[in-house]
Amino acid sequence: MIPHATLTVALAVAAALSLWTTGVAWRHRDARSRAARWRCS
């Protein structure tokens, strides 16, 4: 049986990691589209 605290910490870490990867992906996509727009103009 896994202790409740360990489970909560694991869930929090997983949520933070997924949020962080989403943020990085969004920033990367935004920077790429901005660079493409700058090149086109």
N, C-alpha and C. Protein backbone atom coordinates (compact mmCIF):
# COMPACT_ATOMS: atom_id res chain seq x y z
N MET A 1 0.84 -1.20 0.00
CA MET A 1 0.00 0.00 0.00
C MET A 1 0.88 1.25 0.00
N ILE A 2 0.60 2.16 -0.92
CA ILE A 2 1.37 3.40 -1.01
C ILE A 2 0.81 4.43 -0.03
N PRO A 3 1.68 5.07 0.74
CA PRO A 3 1.21 6.11 1.67
C PRO A 3 0.54 7.24 0.90
N HIS A 4 -0.45 7.85 1.54
CA HIS A 4 -1.23 8.91 0.90
C HIS A 4 -0.34 10.10 0.53
N ALA A 5 0.59 10.45 1.41
CA ALA A 5 1.47 11.60 1.16
C ALA A 5 2.31 11.37 -0.09
N THR A 6 2.84 10.16 -0.24
CA THR A 6 3.66 9.83 -1.41
C THR A 6 2.84 9.96 -2.68
N LEU A 7 1.60 9.48 -2.63
CA LEU A 7 0.71 9.54 -3.78
C LEU A 7 0.42 10.99 -4.15
N THR A 8 0.16 11.82 -3.13
CA THR A 8 -0.13 13.24 -3.37
C THR A 8 1.06 13.94 -4.00
N VAL A 9 2.25 13.67 -3.47
CA VAL A 9 3.47 14.28 -4.00
C VAL A 9 3.69 13.85 -5.44
N ALA A 10 3.50 12.56 -5.71
CA ALA A 10 3.69 12.05 -7.07
C ALA A 10 2.72 12.71 -8.04
N LEU A 11 1.47 12.86 -7.62
CA LEU A 11 0.47 13.51 -8.46
C LEU A 11 0.83 14.97 -8.71
N ALA A 12 1.29 15.66 -7.67
CA ALA A 12 1.66 17.07 -7.80
C ALA A 12 2.83 17.23 -8.76
N VAL A 13 3.82 16.34 -8.64
CA VAL A 13 4.99 16.39 -9.52
C VAL A 13 4.57 16.13 -10.97
N ALA A 14 3.71 15.14 -11.17
CA ALA A 14 3.25 14.83 -12.52
C ALA A 14 2.49 16.00 -13.13
N ALA A 15 1.64 16.63 -12.33
CA ALA A 15 0.86 17.78 -12.83
C ALA A 15 1.78 18.94 -13.17
N ALA A 16 2.74 19.23 -12.30
CA ALA A 16 3.67 20.33 -12.55
C ALA A 16 4.51 20.06 -13.79
N LEU A 17 4.93 18.82 -13.96
CA LEU A 17 5.76 18.46 -15.11
C LEU A 17 4.96 18.63 -16.41
N SER A 18 3.72 18.17 -16.41
CA SER A 18 2.90 18.29 -17.62
C SER A 18 2.62 19.76 -17.93
N LEU A 19 2.37 20.56 -16.90
CA LEU A 19 2.14 22.00 -17.10
C LEU A 19 3.38 22.65 -17.67
N TRP A 20 4.55 22.28 -17.13
CA TRP A 20 5.82 22.87 -17.57
C TRP A 20 6.10 22.51 -19.03
N THR A 21 5.89 21.25 -19.39
CA THR A 21 6.15 20.84 -20.78
C THR A 21 5.20 21.56 -21.73
N THR A 22 3.93 21.72 -21.31
CA THR A 22 2.96 22.43 -22.14
C THR A 22 3.40 23.87 -22.34
N GLY A 23 3.85 24.52 -21.26
CA GLY A 23 4.30 25.90 -21.34
C GLY A 23 5.50 26.05 -22.26
N VAL A 24 6.44 25.13 -22.16
CA VAL A 24 7.64 25.19 -23.01
C VAL A 24 7.25 25.00 -24.47
N ALA A 25 6.36 24.05 -24.73
CA ALA A 25 5.92 23.79 -26.10
C ALA A 25 5.21 25.01 -26.68
N TRP A 26 4.35 25.64 -25.88
CA TRP A 26 3.63 26.83 -26.33
C TRP A 26 4.60 27.96 -26.66
N ARG A 27 5.59 28.19 -25.75
CA ARG A 27 6.55 29.27 -25.95
C ARG A 27 7.37 29.00 -27.21
N HIS A 28 7.75 27.74 -27.42
CA HIS A 28 8.55 27.37 -28.58
C HIS A 28 7.76 27.62 -29.86
N ARG A 29 6.48 27.21 -29.85
CA ARG A 29 5.64 27.41 -31.03
C ARG A 29 5.43 28.90 -31.30
N ASP A 30 5.23 29.66 -30.24
CA ASP A 30 5.01 31.10 -30.38
C ASP A 30 6.25 31.77 -30.97
N ALA A 31 7.42 31.40 -30.46
CA ALA A 31 8.67 31.99 -30.95
C ALA A 31 8.90 31.62 -32.41
N ARG A 32 8.57 30.38 -32.77
CA ARG A 32 8.77 29.93 -34.14
C ARG A 32 7.86 30.69 -35.10
N SER A 33 6.59 30.86 -34.71
CA SER A 33 5.65 31.57 -35.58
C SER A 33 6.05 33.04 -35.70
N ARG A 34 6.56 33.62 -34.60
CA ARG A 34 6.98 35.01 -34.64
C ARG A 34 8.18 35.17 -35.56
N ALA A 35 9.10 34.22 -35.51
CA ALA A 35 10.28 34.26 -36.37
C ALA A 35 9.87 34.12 -37.83
N ALA A 36 8.90 33.24 -38.09
CA ALA A 36 8.43 33.04 -39.47
C ALA A 36 7.76 34.31 -39.99
N ARG A 37 6.99 34.97 -39.13
CA ARG A 37 6.31 36.19 -39.53
C ARG A 37 7.33 37.29 -39.83
N TRP A 38 8.37 37.34 -38.98
CA TRP A 38 9.41 38.36 -39.13
C TRP A 38 10.18 38.14 -40.44
N ARG A 39 10.38 36.87 -40.80
CA ARG A 39 11.11 36.55 -42.02
C ARG A 39 10.26 36.91 -43.25
N CYS A 40 8.96 36.70 -43.14
CA CYS A 40 8.07 36.96 -44.28
C CYS A 40 7.95 38.45 -44.57
N SER A 41 7.90 39.27 -43.52
CA SER A 41 7.69 40.70 -43.72
C SER A 41 8.93 41.39 -44.26
